[in-house]
Amino acid sequence: LSAAVLDRLDTPVSLPGAPNRPAAESLNVAVAGGILLYEWLGS
């Protein structure tokens, strides 16, 4: 992300990879949102 975009974020969030996989280079927004909701709601 550019510095201008990062400056507008309240809290940047990143999704790490699984223990046996590196972090994904890109994710569909819906997939990323689903992962975040799954984690925030306690699995």
PDB file of N, CA and C in Angstrom:
ATOM      1  N   LEU A   1       0.839  -1.188   0.000  1.00  0.00           N
ATOM      2  CA  LEU A   1       0.000   0.000   0.000  1.00  0.00           C
ATOM      3  C   LEU A   1       0.875   1.239   0.000  1.00  0.00           C
ATOM      4  N   SER A   2       0.366   2.269  -0.607  1.00  0.00           N
ATOM      5  CA  SER A   2       1.135   3.514  -0.648  1.00  0.00           C
ATOM      6  C   SER A   2       1.123   4.203   0.717  1.00  0.00           C
ATOM      7  N   ALA A   3       2.058   5.113   0.912  1.00  0.00           N
ATOM      8  CA  ALA A   3       2.133   5.863   2.169  1.00  0.00           C
ATOM      9  C   ALA A   3       0.853   6.669   2.393  1.00  0.00           C
ATOM     10  N   ALA A   4       0.264   7.209   1.323  1.00  0.00           N
ATOM     11  CA  ALA A   4      -0.967   7.991   1.445  1.00  0.00           C
ATOM     12  C   ALA A   4      -2.117   7.126   1.966  1.00  0.00           C
ATOM     13  N   VAL A   5      -2.214   5.904   1.491  1.00  0.00           N
ATOM     14  CA  VAL A   5      -3.266   4.995   1.957  1.00  0.00           C
ATOM     15  C   VAL A   5      -3.002   4.594   3.403  1.00  0.00           C
ATOM     16  N   LEU A   6      -1.770   4.238   3.726  1.00  0.00           N
ATOM     17  CA  LEU A   6      -1.434   3.841   5.093  1.00  0.00           C
ATOM     18  C   LEU A   6      -1.705   4.957   6.092  1.00  0.00           C
ATOM     19  N   ASP A   7      -1.507   6.205   5.693  1.00  0.00           N
ATOM     20  CA  ASP A   7      -1.774   7.348   6.578  1.00  0.00           C
ATOM     21  C   ASP A   7      -3.254   7.467   6.923  1.00  0.00           C
ATOM     22  N   ARG A   8      -4.129   6.967   6.064  1.00  0.00           N
ATOM     23  CA  ARG A   8      -5.576   7.078   6.293  1.00  0.00           C
ATOM     24  C   ARG A   8      -6.146   5.931   7.124  1.00  0.00           C
ATOM     25  N   LEU A   9      -5.362   4.914   7.384  1.00  0.00           N
ATOM     26  CA  LEU A   9      -5.846   3.759   8.143  1.00  0.00           C
ATOM     27  C   LEU A   9      -5.878   4.049   9.637  1.00  0.00           C
ATOM     28  N   ASP A  10      -6.936   3.612  10.305  1.00  0.00           N
ATOM     29  CA  ASP A  10      -6.980   3.687  11.765  1.00  0.00           C
ATOM     30  C   ASP A  10      -6.087   2.596  12.352  1.00  0.00           C
ATOM     31  N   THR A  11      -6.259   1.377  11.866  1.00  0.00           N
ATOM     32  CA  THR A  11      -5.481   0.232  12.337  1.00  0.00           C
ATOM     33  C   THR A  11      -5.187  -0.687  11.158  1.00  0.00           C
ATOM     34  N   PRO A  12      -3.937  -0.777  10.750  1.00  0.00           N
ATOM     35  CA  PRO A  12      -3.624  -1.716   9.663  1.00  0.00           C
ATOM     36  C   PRO A  12      -3.716  -3.158  10.161  1.00  0.00           C
ATOM     37  N   VAL A  13      -4.221  -4.042   9.323  1.00  0.00           N
ATOM     38  CA  VAL A  13      -4.382  -5.455   9.670  1.00  0.00           C
ATOM     39  C   VAL A  13      -3.735  -6.284   8.575  1.00  0.00           C
ATOM     40  N   SER A  14      -3.032  -7.335   8.970  1.00  0.00           N
ATOM     41  CA  SER A  14      -2.473  -8.253   7.975  1.00  0.00           C
ATOM     42  C   SER A  14      -2.867  -9.672   8.339  1.00  0.00           C
ATOM     43  N   LEU A  15      -2.940 -10.522   7.343  1.00  0.00           N
ATOM     44  CA  LEU A  15      -3.307 -11.917   7.541  1.00  0.00           C
ATOM     45  C   LEU A  15      -2.066 -12.773   7.330  1.00  0.00           C
ATOM     46  N   PRO A  16      -1.555 -13.383   8.385  1.00  0.00           N
ATOM     47  CA  PRO A  16      -0.365 -14.228   8.230  1.00  0.00           C
ATOM     48  C   PRO A  16      -0.721 -15.542   7.547  1.00  0.00           C
ATOM     49  N   GLY A  17       0.285 -16.213   7.052  1.00  0.00           N
ATOM     50  CA  GLY A  17       0.073 -17.520   6.446  1.00  0.00           C
ATOM     51  C   GLY A  17      -0.108 -18.595   7.505  1.00  0.00           C
ATOM     52  N   ALA A  18      -0.498 -19.768   7.071  1.00  0.00           N
ATOM     53  CA  ALA A  18      -0.604 -20.917   7.969  1.00  0.00           C
ATOM     54  C   ALA A  18       0.807 -21.383   8.321  1.00  0.00           C
ATOM     55  N   PRO A  19       0.949 -22.169   9.390  1.00  0.00           N
ATOM     56  CA  PRO A  19       2.290 -22.618   9.791  1.00  0.00           C
ATOM     57  C   PRO A  19       3.079 -23.302   8.672  1.00  0.00           C
ATOM     58  N   ASN A  20       2.387 -24.017   7.795  1.00  0.00           N
ATOM     59  CA  ASN A  20       3.089 -24.720   6.728  1.00  0.00           C
ATOM     60  C   ASN A  20       3.038 -23.997   5.384  1.00  0.00           C
ATOM     61  N   ARG A  21       2.525 -22.758   5.373  1.00  0.00           N
ATOM     62  CA  ARG A  21       2.437 -21.980   4.128  1.00  0.00           C
ATOM     63  C   ARG A  21       2.858 -20.537   4.387  1.00  0.00           C
ATOM     64  N   PRO A  22       3.458 -19.907   3.401  1.00  0.00           N
ATOM     65  CA  PRO A  22       3.773 -18.477   3.549  1.00  0.00           C
ATOM     66  C   PRO A  22       2.496 -17.640   3.436  1.00  0.00           C
ATOM     67  N   ALA A  23       2.577 -16.391   3.805  1.00  0.00           N
ATOM     68  CA  ALA A  23       1.432 -15.487   3.684  1.00  0.00           C
ATOM     69  C   ALA A  23       1.027 -15.358   2.215  1.00  0.00           C
ATOM     70  N   ALA A  24      -0.261 -15.222   1.972  1.00  0.00           N
ATOM     71  CA  ALA A  24      -0.756 -15.062   0.606  1.00  0.00           C
ATOM     72  C   ALA A  24      -0.332 -13.709   0.063  1.00  0.00           C
ATOM     73  N   GLU A  25      -0.006 -13.671  -1.215  1.00  0.00           N
ATOM     74  CA  GLU A  25       0.396 -12.411  -1.829  1.00  0.00           C
ATOM     75  C   GLU A  25      -0.819 -11.503  -2.029  1.00  0.00           C
ATOM     76  N   SER A  26      -1.961 -12.087  -2.355  1.00  0.00           N
ATOM     77  CA  SER A  26      -3.182 -11.295  -2.480  1.00  0.00           C
ATOM     78  C   SER A  26      -4.387 -12.179  -2.180  1.00  0.00           C
ATOM     79  N   LEU A  27      -5.430 -11.570  -1.650  1.00  0.00           N
ATOM     80  CA  LEU A  27      -6.674 -12.279  -1.360  1.00  0.00           C
ATOM     81  C   LEU A  27      -7.842 -11.467  -1.895  1.00  0.00           C
ATOM     82  N   ASN A  28      -8.877 -12.132  -2.315  1.00  0.00           N
ATOM     83  CA  ASN A  28     -10.123 -11.493  -2.669  1.00  0.00           C
ATOM     84  C   ASN A  28     -10.650 -10.801  -1.407  1.00  0.00           C
ATOM     85  N   VAL A  29     -11.256  -9.638  -1.530  1.00  0.00           N
ATOM     86  CA  VAL A  29     -11.745  -8.889  -0.368  1.00  0.00           C
ATOM     87  C   VAL A  29     -12.751  -9.712   0.430  1.00  0.00           C
ATOM     88  N   ALA A  30     -13.617 -10.444  -0.242  1.00  0.00           N
ATOM     89  CA  ALA A  30     -14.608 -11.257   0.462  1.00  0.00           C
ATOM     90  C   ALA A  30     -13.931 -12.367   1.262  1.00  0.00           C
ATOM     91  N   VAL A  31     -12.916 -12.986   0.699  1.00  0.00           N
ATOM     92  CA  VAL A  31     -12.191 -14.048   1.404  1.00  0.00           C
ATOM     93  C   VAL A  31     -11.469 -13.466   2.614  1.00  0.00           C
ATOM     94  N   ALA A  32     -10.787 -12.340   2.425  1.00  0.00           N
ATOM     95  CA  ALA A  32     -10.077 -11.700   3.537  1.00  0.00           C
ATOM     96  C   ALA A  32     -11.058 -11.310   4.643  1.00  0.00           C
ATOM     97  N   GLY A  33     -12.214 -10.754   4.269  1.00  0.00           N
ATOM     98  CA  GLY A  33     -13.225 -10.390   5.261  1.00  0.00           C
ATOM     99  C   GLY A  33     -13.752 -11.601   6.011  1.00  0.00           C
ATOM    100  N   GLY A  34     -13.950 -12.699   5.307  1.00  0.00           N
ATOM    101  CA  GLY A  34     -14.403 -13.928   5.951  1.00  0.00           C
ATOM    102  C   GLY A  34     -13.397 -14.456   6.957  1.00  0.00           C
ATOM    103  N   ILE A  35     -12.118 -14.399   6.615  1.00  0.00           N
ATOM    104  CA  ILE A  35     -11.065 -14.839   7.537  1.00  0.00           C
ATOM    105  C   ILE A  35     -11.055 -13.959   8.779  1.00  0.00           C
ATOM    106  N   LEU A  36     -11.140 -12.643   8.590  1.00  0.00           N
ATOM    107  CA  LEU A  36     -11.147 -11.725   9.736  1.00  0.00           C
ATOM    108  C   LEU A  36     -12.351 -11.972  10.643  1.00  0.00           C
ATOM    109  N   LEU A  37     -13.536 -12.109  10.061  1.00  0.00           N
ATOM    110  CA  LEU A  37     -14.728 -12.365  10.877  1.00  0.00           C
ATOM    111  C   LEU A  37     -14.615 -13.683  11.627  1.00  0.00           C
ATOM    112  N   TYR A  38     -14.102 -14.697  10.985  1.00  0.00           N
ATOM    113  CA  TYR A  38     -13.911 -15.999  11.634  1.00  0.00           C
ATOM    114  C   TYR A  38     -13.022 -15.862  12.863  1.00  0.00           C
ATOM    115  N   GLU A  39     -11.931 -15.129  12.721  1.00  0.00           N
ATOM    116  CA  GLU A  39     -11.009 -14.941  13.843  1.00  0.00           C
ATOM    117  C   GLU A  39     -11.605 -14.047  14.925  1.00  0.00           C
ATOM    118  N   TRP A  40     -12.258 -12.944  14.535  1.00  0.00           N
ATOM    119  CA  TRP A  40     -12.820 -12.012  15.515  1.00  0.00           C
ATOM    120  C   TRP A  40     -13.961 -12.635  16.313  1.00  0.00           C
ATOM    121  N   LEU A  41     -14.727 -13.514  15.680  1.00  0.00           N
ATOM    122  CA  LEU A  41     -15.862 -14.128  16.367  1.00  0.00           C
ATOM    123  C   LEU A  41     -15.461 -15.366  17.157  1.00  0.00           C
ATOM    124  N   GLY A  42     -14.180 -15.631  17.238  1.00  0.00           N
ATOM    125  CA  GLY A  42     -13.693 -16.716  18.084  1.00  0.00           C
ATOM    126  C   GLY A  42     -13.732 -18.086  17.450  1.00  0.00           C
ATOM    127  N   SER A  43     -13.597 -18.124  16.141  1.00  0.00           N
ATOM    128  CA  SER A  43     -13.560 -19.404  15.405  1.00  0.00           C
ATOM    129  C   SER A  43     -14.883 -20.104  15.556  1.00  0.00           C
TER     130      SER A  43
END
